[in-house]
PDB file of all heavy atoms in Angstrom:
ATOM      1  N   ALA A   1      80.519   6.880 166.478  1.00  0.00           N
ATOM      2  CA  ALA A   1      80.175   8.283 166.233  1.00  0.00           C
ATOM      3  C   ALA A   1      78.737   8.417 165.741  1.00  0.00           C
ATOM      4  O   ALA A   1      78.004   9.315 166.173  1.00  0.00           O
ATOM      5  CB  ALA A   1      81.144   8.897 165.229  1.00  0.00           C
ATOM      6  N   VAL A   2      78.314   7.543 164.863  1.00  0.00           N
ATOM      7  CA  VAL A   2      76.942   7.579 164.350  1.00  0.00           C
ATOM      8  C   VAL A   2      75.945   7.283 165.470  1.00  0.00           C
ATOM      9  O   VAL A   2      74.922   7.963 165.605  1.00  0.00           O
ATOM     10  CB  VAL A   2      76.768   6.586 163.177  1.00  0.00           C
ATOM     11  CG1 VAL A   2      75.309   6.394 162.828  1.00  0.00           C
ATOM     12  CG2 VAL A   2      77.559   7.055 161.977  1.00  0.00           C
ATOM     13  N   ILE A   3      76.239   6.308 166.291  1.00  0.00           N
ATOM     14  CA  ILE A   3      75.351   5.971 167.414  1.00  0.00           C
ATOM     15  C   ILE A   3      75.272   7.130 168.395  1.00  0.00           C
ATOM     16  O   ILE A   3      74.190   7.491 168.859  1.00  0.00           O
ATOM     17  CB  ILE A   3      75.827   4.673 168.100  1.00  0.00           C
ATOM     18  CG1 ILE A   3      75.588   3.482 167.170  1.00  0.00           C
ATOM     19  CG2 ILE A   3      75.108   4.465 169.425  1.00  0.00           C
ATOM     20  CD1 ILE A   3      76.230   2.196 167.641  1.00  0.00           C
ATOM     21  N   ALA A   4      76.408   7.738 168.706  1.00  0.00           N
ATOM     22  CA  ALA A   4      76.418   8.869 169.638  1.00  0.00           C
ATOM     23  C   ALA A   4      75.641  10.057 169.078  1.00  0.00           C
ATOM     24  O   ALA A   4      74.873  10.705 169.799  1.00  0.00           O
ATOM     25  CB  ALA A   4      77.859   9.277 169.950  1.00  0.00           C
ATOM     26  N   ALA A   5      75.817  10.352 167.803  1.00  0.00           N
ATOM     27  CA  ALA A   5      75.097  11.468 167.185  1.00  0.00           C
ATOM     28  C   ALA A   5      73.598  11.206 167.175  1.00  0.00           C
ATOM     29  O   ALA A   5      72.799  12.109 167.462  1.00  0.00           O
ATOM     30  CB  ALA A   5      75.605  11.693 165.769  1.00  0.00           C
ATOM     31  N   THR A   6      73.196   9.992 166.872  1.00  0.00           N
ATOM     32  CA  THR A   6      71.776   9.638 166.869  1.00  0.00           C
ATOM     33  C   THR A   6      71.194   9.744 168.271  1.00  0.00           C
ATOM     34  O   THR A   6      70.094  10.264 168.454  1.00  0.00           O
ATOM     35  CB  THR A   6      71.578   8.210 166.323  1.00  0.00           C
ATOM     36  OG1 THR A   6      72.158   8.130 165.018  1.00  0.00           O
ATOM     37  CG2 THR A   6      70.124   7.824 166.277  1.00  0.00           C
ATOM     38  N   TRP A   7      71.906   9.278 169.253  1.00  0.00           N
ATOM     39  CA  TRP A   7      71.448   9.339 170.645  1.00  0.00           C
ATOM     40  C   TRP A   7      71.289  10.785 171.099  1.00  0.00           C
ATOM     41  O   TRP A   7      70.288  11.134 171.710  1.00  0.00           O
ATOM     42  CB  TRP A   7      72.432   8.593 171.540  1.00  0.00           C
ATOM     43  CG  TRP A   7      72.041   8.619 172.983  1.00  0.00           C
ATOM     44  CD1 TRP A   7      71.027   7.925 173.577  1.00  0.00           C
ATOM     45  CD2 TRP A   7      72.665   9.372 174.006  1.00  0.00           C
ATOM     46  NE1 TRP A   7      70.991   8.201 174.905  1.00  0.00           N
ATOM     47  CE2 TRP A   7      71.988   9.084 175.204  1.00  0.00           C
ATOM     48  CE3 TRP A   7      73.740  10.251 174.026  1.00  0.00           C
ATOM     49  CZ2 TRP A   7      72.347   9.666 176.403  1.00  0.00           C
ATOM     50  CZ3 TRP A   7      74.083  10.816 175.238  1.00  0.00           C
ATOM     51  CH2 TRP A   7      73.400  10.531 176.412  1.00  0.00           C
ATOM     52  N   MET A   8      72.248  11.642 170.781  1.00  0.00           N
ATOM     53  CA  MET A   8      72.162  13.049 171.175  1.00  0.00           C
ATOM     54  C   MET A   8      71.016  13.747 170.450  1.00  0.00           C
ATOM     55  O   MET A   8      70.310  14.554 171.041  1.00  0.00           O
ATOM     56  CB  MET A   8      73.492  13.749 170.906  1.00  0.00           C
ATOM     57  CG  MET A   8      74.597  13.309 171.853  1.00  0.00           C
ATOM     58  SD  MET A   8      76.202  14.001 171.478  1.00  0.00           S
ATOM     59  CE  MET A   8      75.890  15.734 171.629  1.00  0.00           C
ATOM     60  N   TRP A   9      70.806  13.434 169.187  1.00  0.00           N
ATOM     61  CA  TRP A   9      69.716  14.032 168.419  1.00  0.00           C
ATOM     62  C   TRP A   9      68.365  13.611 168.989  1.00  0.00           C
ATOM     63  O   TRP A   9      67.443  14.407 169.094  1.00  0.00           O
ATOM     64  CB  TRP A   9      69.837  13.627 166.960  1.00  0.00           C
ATOM     65  CG  TRP A   9      68.706  14.125 166.122  1.00  0.00           C
ATOM     66  CD1 TRP A   9      68.528  15.384 165.645  1.00  0.00           C
ATOM     67  CD2 TRP A   9      67.599  13.364 165.667  1.00  0.00           C
ATOM     68  NE1 TRP A   9      67.368  15.458 164.918  1.00  0.00           N
ATOM     69  CE2 TRP A   9      66.774  14.219 164.915  1.00  0.00           C
ATOM     70  CE3 TRP A   9      67.212  12.032 165.815  1.00  0.00           C
ATOM     71  CZ2 TRP A   9      65.602  13.803 164.328  1.00  0.00           C
ATOM     72  CZ3 TRP A   9      66.041  11.619 165.217  1.00  0.00           C
ATOM     73  CH2 TRP A   9      65.264  12.494 164.481  1.00  0.00           C
ATOM     74  N   ALA A  10      68.241  12.359 169.384  1.00  0.00           N
ATOM     75  CA  ALA A  10      66.979  11.840 169.911  1.00  0.00           C
ATOM     76  C   ALA A  10      66.649  12.422 171.282  1.00  0.00           C
ATOM     77  O   ALA A  10      65.482  12.501 171.653  1.00  0.00           O
ATOM     78  CB  ALA A  10      67.031  10.321 169.983  1.00  0.00           C
ATOM     79  N   LYS A  11      67.647  12.843 172.044  1.00  0.00           N
ATOM     80  CA  LYS A  11      67.420  13.386 173.383  1.00  0.00           C
ATOM     81  C   LYS A  11      66.901  14.811 173.362  1.00  0.00           C
ATOM     82  O   LYS A  11      66.338  15.278 174.348  1.00  0.00           O
ATOM     83  CB  LYS A  11      68.714  13.340 174.201  1.00  0.00           C
ATOM     84  CG  LYS A  11      69.046  11.962 174.712  1.00  0.00           C
ATOM     85  CD  LYS A  11      70.127  12.032 175.738  1.00  0.00           C
ATOM     86  CE  LYS A  11      69.576  12.753 176.940  1.00  0.00           C
ATOM     87  NZ  LYS A  11      70.227  12.565 178.174  1.00  0.00           N
ATOM     88  N   GLN A  12      67.068  15.547 172.272  1.00  0.00           N
ATOM     89  CA  GLN A  12      66.611  16.923 172.208  1.00  0.00           C
ATOM     90  C   GLN A  12      65.095  16.944 172.164  1.00  0.00           C
ATOM     91  O   GLN A  12      64.477  16.208 171.396  1.00  0.00           O
ATOM     92  CB  GLN A  12      67.184  17.629 170.979  1.00  0.00           C
ATOM     93  CG  GLN A  12      68.678  17.799 171.033  1.00  0.00           C
ATOM     94  CD  GLN A  12      69.211  18.497 169.794  1.00  0.00           C
ATOM     95  OE1 GLN A  12      68.487  18.735 168.848  1.00  0.00           O
ATOM     96  NE2 GLN A  12      70.478  18.812 169.814  1.00  0.00           N
ATOM     97  N   PRO A  13      64.476  17.793 172.991  1.00  0.00           N
ATOM     98  CA  PRO A  13      63.010  17.827 173.000  1.00  0.00           C
ATOM     99  C   PRO A  13      62.456  18.454 171.723  1.00  0.00           C
ATOM    100  O   PRO A  13      63.106  19.275 171.088  1.00  0.00           O
ATOM    101  CB  PRO A  13      62.694  18.713 174.213  1.00  0.00           C
ATOM    102  CG  PRO A  13      63.901  19.584 174.375  1.00  0.00           C
ATOM    103  CD  PRO A  13      65.073  18.742 173.924  1.00  0.00           C
ATOM    104  N   ASP A  14      61.257  18.032 171.379  1.00  0.00           N
ATOM    105  CA  ASP A  14      60.562  18.652 170.257  1.00  0.00           C
ATOM    106  C   ASP A  14      60.013  19.988 170.737  1.00  0.00           C
ATOM    107  O   ASP A  14      59.432  20.077 171.812  1.00  0.00           O
ATOM    108  CB  ASP A  14      59.409  17.769 169.781  1.00  0.00           C
ATOM    109  CG  ASP A  14      59.882  16.491 169.125  1.00  0.00           C
ATOM    110  OD1 ASP A  14      60.963  16.508 168.515  1.00  0.00           O
ATOM    111  OD2 ASP A  14      59.170  15.480 169.223  1.00  0.00           O
ATOM    112  N   TYR A  15      60.193  21.016 169.932  1.00  0.00           N
ATOM    113  CA  TYR A  15      59.689  22.339 170.283  1.00  0.00           C
ATOM    114  C   TYR A  15      58.412  22.616 169.510  1.00  0.00           C
ATOM    115  O   TYR A  15      58.294  22.257 168.342  1.00  0.00           O
ATOM    116  CB  TYR A  15      60.747  23.410 169.981  1.00  0.00           C
ATOM    117  CG  TYR A  15      61.797  23.509 171.061  1.00  0.00           C
ATOM    118  CD1 TYR A  15      62.806  22.565 171.169  1.00  0.00           C
ATOM    119  CD2 TYR A  15      61.777  24.541 171.979  1.00  0.00           C
ATOM    120  CE1 TYR A  15      63.761  22.649 172.162  1.00  0.00           C
ATOM    121  CE2 TYR A  15      62.726  24.637 172.976  1.00  0.00           C
ATOM    122  CZ  TYR A  15      63.714  23.686 173.068  1.00  0.00           C
ATOM    123  OH  TYR A  15      64.643  23.776 174.064  1.00  0.00           O
ATOM    124  N   THR A  16      57.445  23.225 170.198  1.00  0.00           N
ATOM    125  CA  THR A  16      56.139  23.542 169.628  1.00  0.00           C
ATOM    126  C   THR A  16      55.879  25.032 169.807  1.00  0.00           C
ATOM    127  O   THR A  16      56.371  25.650 170.751  1.00  0.00           O
ATOM    128  CB  THR A  16      55.047  22.731 170.351  1.00  0.00           C
ATOM    129  OG1 THR A  16      55.367  21.354 170.263  1.00  0.00           O
ATOM    130  CG2 THR A  16      53.682  22.959 169.750  1.00  0.00           C
ATOM    131  N   VAL A  17      55.057  25.582 168.928  1.00  0.00           N
ATOM    132  CA  VAL A  17      54.749  27.013 168.980  1.00  0.00           C
ATOM    133  C   VAL A  17      54.013  27.344 170.276  1.00  0.00           C
ATOM    134  O   VAL A  17      52.980  26.748 170.594  1.00  0.00           O
ATOM    135  CB  VAL A  17      53.899  27.442 167.768  1.00  0.00           C
ATOM    136  CG1 VAL A  17      53.457  28.891 167.905  1.00  0.00           C
ATOM    137  CG2 VAL A  17      54.672  27.241 166.484  1.00  0.00           C
ATOM    138  N   LEU A  18      54.553  28.290 171.005  1.00  0.00           N
ATOM    139  CA  LEU A  18      53.902  28.816 172.200  1.00  0.00           C
ATOM    140  C   LEU A  18      52.964  29.944 171.782  1.00  0.00           C
ATOM    141  O   LEU A  18      51.776  29.915 172.067  1.00  0.00           O
ATOM    142  CB  LEU A  18      54.945  29.327 173.197  1.00  0.00           C
ATOM    143  CG  LEU A  18      54.406  29.962 174.468  1.00  0.00           C
ATOM    144  CD1 LEU A  18      53.663  28.937 175.308  1.00  0.00           C
ATOM    145  CD2 LEU A  18      55.535  30.581 175.269  1.00  0.00           C
ATOM    146  N   PHE A  19      53.515  30.934 171.094  1.00  0.00           N
ATOM    147  CA  PHE A  19      52.744  32.040 170.552  1.00  0.00           C
ATOM    148  C   PHE A  19      53.391  32.467 169.244  1.00  0.00           C
ATOM    149  O   PHE A  19      54.595  32.339 169.064  1.00  0.00           O
ATOM    150  CB  PHE A  19      52.735  33.251 171.497  1.00  0.00           C
ATOM    151  CG  PHE A  19      51.990  33.015 172.780  1.00  0.00           C
ATOM    152  CD1 PHE A  19      52.662  32.948 173.977  1.00  0.00           C
ATOM    153  CD2 PHE A  19      50.613  32.876 172.781  1.00  0.00           C
ATOM    154  CE1 PHE A  19      51.980  32.732 175.163  1.00  0.00           C
ATOM    155  CE2 PHE A  19      49.920  32.662 173.963  1.00  0.00           C
ATOM    156  CZ  PHE A  19      50.606  32.593 175.149  1.00  0.00           C
ATOM    157  N   SER A  20      52.589  33.017 168.346  1.00  0.00           N
ATOM    158  CA  SER A  20      53.113  33.564 167.100  1.00  0.00           C
ATOM    159  C   SER A  20      52.432  34.893 166.837  1.00  0.00           C
ATOM    160  O   SER A  20      51.418  35.230 167.457  1.00  0.00           O
ATOM    161  CB  SER A  20      52.880  32.592 165.936  1.00  0.00           C
ATOM    162  OG  SER A  20      51.501  32.387 165.743  1.00  0.00           O
ATOM    163  N   ASN A  21      53.005  35.652 165.905  1.00  0.00           N
ATOM    164  CA  ASN A  21      52.471  36.966 165.513  1.00  0.00           C
ATOM    165  C   ASN A  21      52.278  37.905 166.699  1.00  0.00           C
ATOM    166  O   ASN A  21      51.229  38.525 166.862  1.00  0.00           O
ATOM    167  CB  ASN A  21      51.152  36.807 164.735  1.00  0.00           C
ATOM    168  CG  ASN A  21      51.323  35.995 163.487  1.00  0.00           C
ATOM    169  OD1 ASN A  21      52.335  36.110 162.800  1.00  0.00           O
ATOM    170  ND2 ASN A  21      50.366  35.148 163.193  1.00  0.00           N
ATOM    171  N   LEU A  22      53.283  37.976 167.550  1.00  0.00           N
ATOM    172  CA  LEU A  22      53.228  38.835 168.724  1.00  0.00           C
ATOM    173  C   LEU A  22      53.758  40.224 168.397  1.00  0.00           C
ATOM    174  O   LEU A  22      54.581  40.389 167.499  1.00  0.00           O
ATOM    175  CB  LEU A  22      54.090  38.253 169.853  1.00  0.00           C
ATOM    176  CG  LEU A  22      53.650  36.918 170.431  1.00  0.00           C
ATOM    177  CD1 LEU A  22      54.758  36.339 171.294  1.00  0.00           C
ATOM    178  CD2 LEU A  22      52.375  37.086 171.243  1.00  0.00           C
ATOM    179  N   THR A  23      53.320  41.198 169.170  1.00  0.00           N
ATOM    180  CA  THR A  23      53.931  42.518 169.070  1.00  0.00           C
ATOM    181  C   THR A  23      55.319  42.426 169.687  1.00  0.00           C
ATOM    182  O   THR A  23      55.608  41.505 170.468  1.00  0.00           O
ATOM    183  CB  THR A  23      53.106  43.579 169.818  1.00  0.00           C
ATOM    184  OG1 THR A  23      53.101  43.259 171.221  1.00  0.00           O
ATOM    185  CG2 THR A  23      51.681  43.652 169.294  1.00  0.00           C
ATOM    186  N   ASP A  24      56.171  43.380 169.375  1.00  0.00           N
ATOM    187  CA  ASP A  24      57.522  43.379 169.952  1.00  0.00           C
ATOM    188  C   ASP A  24      57.467  43.467 171.468  1.00  0.00           C
ATOM    189  O   ASP A  24      58.239  42.830 172.173  1.00  0.00           O
ATOM    190  CB  ASP A  24      58.349  44.534 169.385  1.00  0.00           C
ATOM    191  CG  ASP A  24      58.695  44.324 167.920  1.00  0.00           C
ATOM    192  OD1 ASP A  24      58.620  43.169 167.447  1.00  0.00           O
ATOM    193  OD2 ASP A  24      59.039  45.319 167.253  1.00  0.00           O
ATOM    194  N   ARG A  25      56.544  44.267 171.966  1.00  0.00           N
ATOM    195  CA  ARG A  25      56.417  44.443 173.416  1.00  0.00           C
ATOM    196  C   ARG A  25      56.011  43.132 174.096  1.00  0.00           C
ATOM    197  O   ARG A  25      56.612  42.720 175.084  1.00  0.00           O
ATOM    198  CB  ARG A  25      55.411  45.537 173.723  1.00  0.00           C
ATOM    199  CG  ARG A  25      55.221  45.757 175.191  1.00  0.00           C
ATOM    200  CD  ARG A  25      54.191  46.854 175.466  1.00  0.00           C
ATOM    201  NE  ARG A  25      54.598  47.524 176.672  1.00  0.00           N
ATOM    202  CZ  ARG A  25      54.808  48.805 176.797  1.00  0.00           C
ATOM    203  NH1 ARG A  25      54.615  49.602 175.785  1.00  0.00           N
ATOM    204  NH2 ARG A  25      55.187  49.311 177.939  1.00  0.00           N
ATOM    205  N   ASP A  26      54.976  42.470 173.566  1.00  0.00           N
ATOM    206  CA  ASP A  26      54.544  41.192 174.136  1.00  0.00           C
ATOM    207  C   ASP A  26      55.648  40.144 174.032  1.00  0.00           C
ATOM    208  O   ASP A  26      55.900  39.400 174.978  1.00  0.00           O
ATOM    209  CB  ASP A  26      53.288  40.672 173.429  1.00  0.00           C
ATOM    210  CG  ASP A  26      52.008  41.305 173.937  1.00  0.00           C
ATOM    211  OD1 ASP A  26      52.018  41.924 175.018  1.00  0.00           O
ATOM    212  OD2 ASP A  26      50.984  41.179 173.243  1.00  0.00           O
ATOM    213  N   GLY A  27      56.300  40.080 172.886  1.00  0.00           N
ATOM    214  CA  GLY A  27      57.384  39.121 172.705  1.00  0.00           C
ATOM    215  C   GLY A  27      58.493  39.324 173.715  1.00  0.00           C
ATOM    216  O   GLY A  27      58.986  38.371 174.318  1.00  0.00           O
ATOM    217  N   GLY A  28      58.872  40.572 173.944  1.00  0.00           N
ATOM    218  CA  GLY A  28      59.921  40.866 174.919  1.00  0.00           C
ATOM    219  C   GLY A  28      59.518  40.489 176.329  1.00  0.00           C
ATOM    220  O   GLY A  28      60.321  39.929 177.091  1.00  0.00           O
ATOM    221  N   GLU A  29      58.267  40.767 176.691  1.00  0.00           N
ATOM    222  CA  GLU A  29      57.802  40.423 178.034  1.00  0.00           C
ATOM    223  C   GLU A  29      57.712  38.911 178.225  1.00  0.00           C
ATOM    224  O   GLU A  29      58.043  38.387 179.287  1.00  0.00           O
ATOM    225  CB  GLU A  29      56.450  41.077 178.310  1.00  0.00           C
ATOM    226  CG  GLU A  29      56.542  42.586 178.470  1.00  0.00           C
ATOM    227  CD  GLU A  29      55.186  43.238 178.724  1.00  0.00           C
ATOM    228  OE1 GLU A  29      54.221  42.519 179.037  1.00  0.00           O
ATOM    229  OE2 GLU A  29      55.113  44.469 178.606  1.00  0.00           O
ATOM    230  N   ILE A  30      57.285  38.206 177.187  1.00  0.00           N
ATOM    231  CA  ILE A  30      57.199  36.745 177.277  1.00  0.00           C
ATOM    232  C   ILE A  30      58.584  36.135 177.402  1.00  0.00           C
ATOM    233  O   ILE A  30      58.813  35.253 178.232  1.00  0.00           O
ATOM    234  CB  ILE A  30      56.431  36.176 176.067  1.00  0.00           C
ATOM    235  CG1 ILE A  30      54.944  36.531 176.198  1.00  0.00           C
ATOM    236  CG2 ILE A  30      56.619  34.666 175.942  1.00  0.00           C
ATOM    237  CD1 ILE A  30      54.128  36.242 174.974  1.00  0.00           C
ATOM    238  N   ILE A  31      59.525  36.602 176.598  1.00  0.00           N
ATOM    239  CA  ILE A  31      60.901  36.082 176.674  1.00  0.00           C
ATOM    240  C   ILE A  31      61.492  36.352 178.057  1.00  0.00           C
ATOM    241  O   ILE A  31      62.136  35.484 178.650  1.00  0.00           O
ATOM    242  CB  ILE A  31      61.782  36.700 175.566  1.00  0.00           C
ATOM    243  CG1 ILE A  31      61.306  36.246 174.188  1.00  0.00           C
ATOM    244  CG2 ILE A  31      63.256  36.358 175.770  1.00  0.00           C
ATOM    245  CD1 ILE A  31      61.305  34.760 173.968  1.00  0.00           C
ATOM    246  N   ALA A  32      61.266  37.549 178.593  1.00  0.00           N
ATOM    247  CA  ALA A  32      61.776  37.872 179.930  1.00  0.00           C
ATOM    248  C   ALA A  32      61.187  36.928 180.975  1.00  0.00           C
ATOM    249  O   ALA A  32      61.899  36.439 181.864  1.00  0.00           O
ATOM    250  CB  ALA A  32      61.469  39.325 180.280  1.00  0.00           C
ATOM    251  N   SER A  33      59.897  36.636 180.858  1.00  0.00           N
ATOM    252  CA  SER A  33      59.252  35.727 181.796  1.00  0.00           C
ATOM    253  C   SER A  33      59.785  34.306 181.655  1.00  0.00           C
ATOM    254  O   SER A  33      60.026  33.621 182.650  1.00  0.00           O
ATOM    255  CB  SER A  33      57.743  35.744 181.589  1.00  0.00           C
ATOM    256  OG  SER A  33      57.111  34.876 182.503  1.00  0.00           O
TER     257      SER A  33
END
C-alpha cells in the first residue's frame, strides 16, 4: 500500500502558475479555452 501510494503520488504532474490576478472575465475565457 505504501509503495502504491508513493508511485501514484510521484506520477502526478507538478502544476505551475499560468496566470494570476486575472479579472473574472479573463479567467472565465481562459478556463473555457
